[in-house]
């Protein structure tokens, strides 16, 4: 009975979805997340209102392992560079219209 169970488990190992189709890293952008935790940078538009700053603080609590920074005069190109240098996996930029938070730009950082 035990040998039958071991044989059955061995057959299952070869029939999962990862072995039926050839694997390609392009197919799964989060393939390394089983080994690395996501690290998220949260920032705002250049001159955030109090409401947007409060919303940013709340988003920091919602997303685990996230960091919030004041953007100031930093351009997006420099933000992306900072994210890559500090191994952030994602960048979230919060936006507002007339003092009301109304948008969120989420960008996944490329590997390497």
N, C-alpha and C. Protein backbone atom coordinates (compact mmCIF):
# COMPACT_ATOMS: atom_id res chain seq x y z
N UNK A 1 0.82 -1.19 0.00
CA UNK A 1 0.00 0.00 0.00
C UNK A 1 0.87 1.27 0.00
N UNK A 2 1.93 1.26 0.80
CA UNK A 2 2.81 2.42 0.88
C UNK A 2 3.52 2.65 -0.45
N UNK A 3 3.95 1.57 -1.11
CA UNK A 3 4.63 1.69 -2.39
C UNK A 3 3.71 2.26 -3.46
N UNK A 4 2.43 1.89 -3.40
CA UNK A 4 1.46 2.44 -4.37
C UNK A 4 1.32 3.95 -4.18
N UNK A 5 1.28 4.39 -2.93
CA UNK A 5 1.18 5.82 -2.64
C UNK A 5 2.39 6.60 -3.11
N UNK A 6 3.57 6.04 -2.92
CA UNK A 6 4.79 6.70 -3.38
C UNK A 6 4.83 6.80 -4.90
N UNK A 7 4.39 5.74 -5.57
CA UNK A 7 4.33 5.75 -7.03
C UNK A 7 3.35 6.79 -7.54
N UNK A 8 2.22 6.91 -6.85
CA UNK A 8 1.21 7.90 -7.23
C UNK A 8 1.75 9.32 -7.08
N UNK A 9 2.45 9.60 -5.97
CA UNK A 9 3.04 10.93 -5.75
C UNK A 9 4.09 11.24 -6.80
N UNK A 10 4.87 10.23 -7.20
CA UNK A 10 5.90 10.43 -8.22
C UNK A 10 5.25 10.82 -9.54
N UNK A 11 4.13 10.18 -9.89
CA UNK A 11 3.41 10.52 -11.12
C UNK A 11 2.88 11.95 -11.07
N UNK A 12 2.39 12.38 -9.91
CA UNK A 12 1.86 13.73 -9.77
C UNK A 12 2.94 14.79 -9.99
N UNK A 13 4.17 14.50 -9.55
CA UNK A 13 5.27 15.46 -9.72
C UNK A 13 5.53 15.77 -11.18
N UNK A 14 5.30 14.83 -12.05
CA UNK A 14 5.59 15.03 -13.46
C UNK A 14 4.43 15.60 -14.26
N UNK A 15 3.25 15.69 -13.66
CA UNK A 15 2.07 16.12 -14.40
C UNK A 15 1.56 17.50 -14.02
N UNK A 16 2.36 18.31 -13.31
CA UNK A 16 1.88 19.64 -12.96
C UNK A 16 2.02 20.59 -14.14
N UNK A 17 1.42 21.78 -14.02
CA UNK A 17 1.39 22.75 -15.12
C UNK A 17 2.77 23.26 -15.52
N UNK A 18 3.71 23.28 -14.58
CA UNK A 18 5.05 23.78 -14.91
C UNK A 18 5.83 22.84 -15.81
N UNK A 19 5.51 21.55 -15.77
CA UNK A 19 6.25 20.61 -16.61
C UNK A 19 5.55 20.33 -17.93
N UNK A 20 4.25 20.63 -18.04
CA UNK A 20 3.54 20.38 -19.29
C UNK A 20 3.92 21.38 -20.37
N UNK A 21 4.17 22.64 -19.98
CA UNK A 21 4.54 23.68 -20.93
C UNK A 21 5.95 24.16 -20.62
N UNK A 22 6.73 24.52 -21.64
CA UNK A 22 8.06 25.06 -21.36
C UNK A 22 7.96 26.36 -20.57
N UNK A 23 8.81 26.51 -19.57
CA UNK A 23 8.79 27.69 -18.71
C UNK A 23 9.63 28.81 -19.31
N UNK A 24 9.10 30.03 -19.21
CA UNK A 24 9.83 31.20 -19.69
C UNK A 24 9.62 32.31 -18.67
N UNK A 25 10.70 32.99 -18.26
CA UNK A 25 10.61 34.06 -17.25
C UNK A 25 9.70 35.19 -17.71
N UNK A 26 9.57 35.38 -19.03
CA UNK A 26 8.70 36.42 -19.55
C UNK A 26 7.24 36.13 -19.22
N UNK A 27 6.89 34.86 -19.10
CA UNK A 27 5.52 34.46 -18.80
C UNK A 27 5.09 34.85 -17.39
N UNK A 28 6.03 35.01 -16.48
CA UNK A 28 5.70 35.26 -15.08
C UNK A 28 6.62 36.33 -14.52
N UNK A 29 6.15 37.59 -14.50
CA UNK A 29 7.01 38.67 -14.01
C UNK A 29 7.23 38.61 -12.51
N UNK A 30 6.41 37.83 -11.80
CA UNK A 30 6.58 37.70 -10.36
C UNK A 30 7.22 36.36 -9.98
N UNK A 31 7.93 35.73 -10.89
CA UNK A 31 8.53 34.42 -10.63
C UNK A 31 9.49 34.45 -9.45
N UNK A 32 10.22 35.55 -9.27
CA UNK A 32 11.19 35.62 -8.17
C UNK A 32 10.54 36.00 -6.85
N UNK A 33 9.26 36.35 -6.82
CA UNK A 33 8.62 36.76 -5.58
C UNK A 33 8.49 35.64 -4.58
N UNK A 34 8.58 34.38 -5.03
CA UNK A 34 8.55 33.30 -4.06
C UNK A 34 9.85 33.28 -3.26
N UNK A 35 10.87 33.96 -3.75
CA UNK A 35 12.14 34.04 -3.05
C UNK A 35 12.39 35.41 -2.44
N UNK A 36 11.84 36.48 -3.05
CA UNK A 36 12.06 37.85 -2.58
C UNK A 36 10.72 38.50 -2.27
N UNK A 37 10.67 39.18 -1.13
CA UNK A 37 9.46 39.92 -0.78
C UNK A 37 9.35 41.17 -1.63
N UNK A 38 8.14 41.58 -2.02
CA UNK A 38 7.99 42.84 -2.74
C UNK A 38 8.43 44.01 -1.84
N UNK A 39 9.05 44.98 -2.43
CA UNK A 39 9.48 46.19 -1.72
C UNK A 39 8.92 47.36 -2.53
N UNK A 40 8.03 48.14 -1.93
CA UNK A 40 7.25 49.14 -2.65
C UNK A 40 7.63 50.54 -2.19
N UNK A 41 7.83 51.44 -3.16
CA UNK A 41 8.07 52.85 -2.88
C UNK A 41 6.80 53.61 -3.20
N UNK A 42 6.28 54.35 -2.23
CA UNK A 42 5.06 55.14 -2.41
C UNK A 42 5.42 56.62 -2.33
N UNK A 43 5.02 57.39 -3.33
CA UNK A 43 5.28 58.82 -3.34
C UNK A 43 4.06 59.54 -3.90
N UNK A 44 4.11 60.88 -3.95
CA UNK A 44 2.96 61.67 -4.38
C UNK A 44 3.36 62.57 -5.55
N UNK A 45 2.40 63.38 -5.96
CA UNK A 45 2.71 64.42 -6.94
C UNK A 45 3.65 65.43 -6.28
N UNK A 46 4.10 66.41 -7.05
CA UNK A 46 5.14 67.32 -6.53
C UNK A 46 4.74 68.13 -5.30
N UNK A 47 3.58 68.71 -5.30
CA UNK A 47 3.14 69.51 -4.15
C UNK A 47 1.84 68.94 -3.61
N UNK A 48 1.93 67.92 -2.75
CA UNK A 48 0.73 67.26 -2.26
C UNK A 48 -0.03 68.09 -1.23
N UNK A 49 -1.34 67.96 -1.26
CA UNK A 49 -2.17 68.60 -0.23
C UNK A 49 -2.11 67.75 1.03
N UNK A 50 -2.71 68.25 2.11
CA UNK A 50 -2.76 67.50 3.36
C UNK A 50 -3.54 66.20 3.18
N UNK A 51 -4.61 66.24 2.39
CA UNK A 51 -5.42 65.04 2.17
C UNK A 51 -4.62 63.96 1.45
N UNK A 52 -3.83 64.37 0.45
CA UNK A 52 -3.03 63.39 -0.28
C UNK A 52 -1.92 62.84 0.61
N UNK A 53 -1.32 63.67 1.42
CA UNK A 53 -0.29 63.21 2.34
C UNK A 53 -0.87 62.21 3.34
N UNK A 54 -2.07 62.47 3.83
CA UNK A 54 -2.73 61.53 4.75
C UNK A 54 -3.06 60.22 4.04
N UNK A 55 -3.52 60.33 2.78
CA UNK A 55 -3.82 59.14 2.00
C UNK A 55 -2.55 58.32 1.76
N UNK A 56 -1.44 59.00 1.53
CA UNK A 56 -0.16 58.33 1.33
C UNK A 56 0.23 57.54 2.59
N UNK A 57 0.01 58.13 3.75
CA UNK A 57 0.31 57.44 5.01
C UNK A 57 -0.56 56.20 5.18
N UNK A 58 -1.82 56.30 4.77
CA UNK A 58 -2.73 55.16 4.85
C UNK A 58 -2.32 54.05 3.88
N UNK A 59 -1.87 54.44 2.70
CA UNK A 59 -1.42 53.45 1.72
C UNK A 59 -0.18 52.73 2.23
N UNK A 60 0.66 53.43 2.94
CA UNK A 60 1.85 52.84 3.54
C UNK A 60 1.47 51.73 4.52
N UNK A 61 0.38 51.93 5.24
CA UNK A 61 -0.10 50.93 6.19
C UNK A 61 -0.71 49.74 5.45
N UNK A 62 -1.41 50.01 4.36
CA UNK A 62 -2.09 48.95 3.60
C UNK A 62 -1.10 48.01 2.93
N UNK A 63 -0.05 48.55 2.30
CA UNK A 63 0.92 47.74 1.59
C UNK A 63 2.06 47.35 2.53
N UNK A 64 2.20 46.07 2.83
CA UNK A 64 3.31 45.67 3.70
C UNK A 64 4.65 45.86 2.98
N UNK A 65 5.68 46.08 3.76
CA UNK A 65 7.04 46.25 3.25
C UNK A 65 7.13 47.41 2.24
N UNK A 66 6.45 48.50 2.56
CA UNK A 66 6.49 49.67 1.68
C UNK A 66 7.15 50.84 2.41
N UNK A 67 7.65 51.77 1.59
CA UNK A 67 8.33 52.96 2.11
C UNK A 67 7.69 54.15 1.43
N UNK A 68 7.43 55.22 2.18
CA UNK A 68 6.89 56.42 1.57
C UNK A 68 7.94 57.52 1.64
N UNK A 69 8.01 58.30 0.56
CA UNK A 69 8.95 59.41 0.54
C UNK A 69 8.25 60.66 0.01
N UNK A 70 8.77 61.80 0.38
CA UNK A 70 8.30 63.05 -0.19
C UNK A 70 9.04 63.25 -1.51
N UNK A 71 8.30 63.48 -2.56
CA UNK A 71 8.90 63.56 -3.89
C UNK A 71 9.64 64.87 -4.10
N UNK A 72 9.08 65.97 -3.66
CA UNK A 72 9.71 67.27 -3.89
C UNK A 72 9.83 67.57 -5.37
N UNK A 73 10.99 68.01 -5.81
CA UNK A 73 11.21 68.34 -7.22
C UNK A 73 11.82 67.19 -8.03
N UNK A 74 11.83 66.00 -7.47
CA UNK A 74 12.42 64.85 -8.17
C UNK A 74 11.54 64.45 -9.35
N UNK A 75 12.16 64.27 -10.51
CA UNK A 75 11.42 63.84 -11.70
C UNK A 75 11.27 62.32 -11.68
N UNK A 76 10.30 61.83 -12.43
CA UNK A 76 9.98 60.40 -12.41
C UNK A 76 11.17 59.55 -12.85
N UNK A 77 11.92 60.03 -13.81
CA UNK A 77 13.09 59.28 -14.29
C UNK A 77 14.07 59.03 -13.15
N UNK A 78 14.28 60.03 -12.29
CA UNK A 78 15.17 59.88 -11.15
C UNK A 78 14.57 58.94 -10.11
N UNK A 79 13.24 59.00 -9.93
CA UNK A 79 12.57 58.08 -8.99
C UNK A 79 12.78 56.63 -9.40
N UNK A 80 12.64 56.36 -10.69
CA UNK A 80 12.84 55.00 -11.20
C UNK A 80 14.27 54.55 -10.95
N UNK A 81 15.21 55.43 -11.16
CA UNK A 81 16.62 55.11 -10.93
C UNK A 81 16.86 54.79 -9.46
N UNK A 82 16.28 55.59 -8.56
CA UNK A 82 16.40 55.34 -7.12
C UNK A 82 15.80 53.98 -6.76
N UNK A 83 14.65 53.66 -7.35
CA UNK A 83 14.00 52.37 -7.09
C UNK A 83 14.89 51.21 -7.52
N UNK A 84 15.48 51.32 -8.69
CA UNK A 84 16.34 50.25 -9.19
C UNK A 84 17.60 50.10 -8.35
N UNK A 85 18.19 51.21 -7.94
CA UNK A 85 19.41 51.17 -7.13
C UNK A 85 19.16 50.58 -5.75
N UNK A 86 17.97 50.81 -5.20
CA UNK A 86 17.64 50.33 -3.86
C UNK A 86 16.79 49.07 -3.88
N UNK A 87 16.69 48.42 -5.03
CA UNK A 87 16.02 47.14 -5.22
C UNK A 87 14.56 47.15 -4.80
N UNK A 88 13.84 48.23 -5.14
CA UNK A 88 12.40 48.26 -4.97
C UNK A 88 11.78 47.45 -6.11
N UNK A 89 10.71 46.73 -5.80
CA UNK A 89 10.06 45.93 -6.84
C UNK A 89 8.97 46.72 -7.55
N UNK A 90 8.36 47.71 -6.85
CA UNK A 90 7.26 48.48 -7.42
C UNK A 90 7.35 49.94 -6.99
N UNK A 91 6.79 50.81 -7.84
CA UNK A 91 6.71 52.24 -7.57
C UNK A 91 5.25 52.66 -7.69
N UNK A 92 4.74 53.33 -6.67
CA UNK A 92 3.37 53.85 -6.70
C UNK A 92 3.43 55.36 -6.55
N UNK A 93 2.85 56.07 -7.53
CA UNK A 93 2.77 57.53 -7.48
C UNK A 93 1.30 57.89 -7.30
N UNK A 94 0.98 58.59 -6.21
CA UNK A 94 -0.38 59.01 -5.94
C UNK A 94 -0.63 60.39 -6.54
N UNK A 95 -1.82 60.57 -7.08
CA UNK A 95 -2.17 61.82 -7.76
C UNK A 95 -3.44 62.38 -7.13
N UNK A 96 -3.63 63.70 -7.29
CA UNK A 96 -4.83 64.36 -6.78
C UNK A 96 -5.32 65.40 -7.77
N UNK A 97 -6.57 65.77 -7.63
CA UNK A 97 -7.17 66.83 -8.44
C UNK A 97 -7.94 67.76 -7.51
N UNK A 98 -7.48 68.99 -7.40
CA UNK A 98 -8.09 70.00 -6.53
C UNK A 98 -8.21 69.52 -5.08
N UNK A 99 -7.13 68.92 -4.59
CA UNK A 99 -7.08 68.52 -3.19
C UNK A 99 -7.74 67.19 -2.88
N UNK A 100 -8.24 66.49 -3.90
CA UNK A 100 -8.89 65.19 -3.67
C UNK A 100 -8.08 64.10 -4.36
N UNK A 101 -7.57 63.12 -3.59
CA UNK A 101 -6.83 62.02 -4.20
C UNK A 101 -7.72 61.31 -5.23
N UNK A 102 -7.22 61.16 -6.47
CA UNK A 102 -8.07 60.57 -7.50
C UNK A 102 -7.34 59.61 -8.44
N UNK A 103 -6.06 59.40 -8.24
CA UNK A 103 -5.36 58.52 -9.16
C UNK A 103 -4.13 57.88 -8.53
N UNK A 104 -3.74 56.75 -9.15
CA UNK A 104 -2.59 56.02 -8.66
C UNK A 104 -1.90 55.39 -9.87
N UNK A 105 -0.62 55.66 -10.02
CA UNK A 105 0.17 55.07 -11.09
C UNK A 105 1.05 54.00 -10.43
N UNK A 106 0.91 52.77 -10.91
CA UNK A 106 1.69 51.66 -10.35
C UNK A 106 2.61 51.14 -11.43
N UNK A 107 3.88 51.03 -11.10
CA UNK A 107 4.87 50.55 -12.07
C UNK A 107 5.70 49.45 -11.42
N UNK A 108 5.81 48.34 -12.12
CA UNK A 108 6.65 47.24 -11.65
C UNK A 108 8.06 47.47 -12.18
N UNK A 109 9.05 47.39 -11.30
CA UNK A 109 10.45 47.63 -11.70
C UNK A 109 11.00 46.40 -12.40
N UNK A 110 11.75 46.58 -13.48
CA UNK A 110 12.34 45.43 -14.18
C UNK A 110 13.46 44.81 -13.34
N UNK A 111 13.73 43.54 -13.62
CA UNK A 111 14.79 42.83 -12.90
C UNK A 111 16.15 43.37 -13.30
N UNK A 112 17.08 43.27 -12.34
CA UNK A 112 18.45 43.64 -12.66
C UNK A 112 18.66 45.07 -12.43
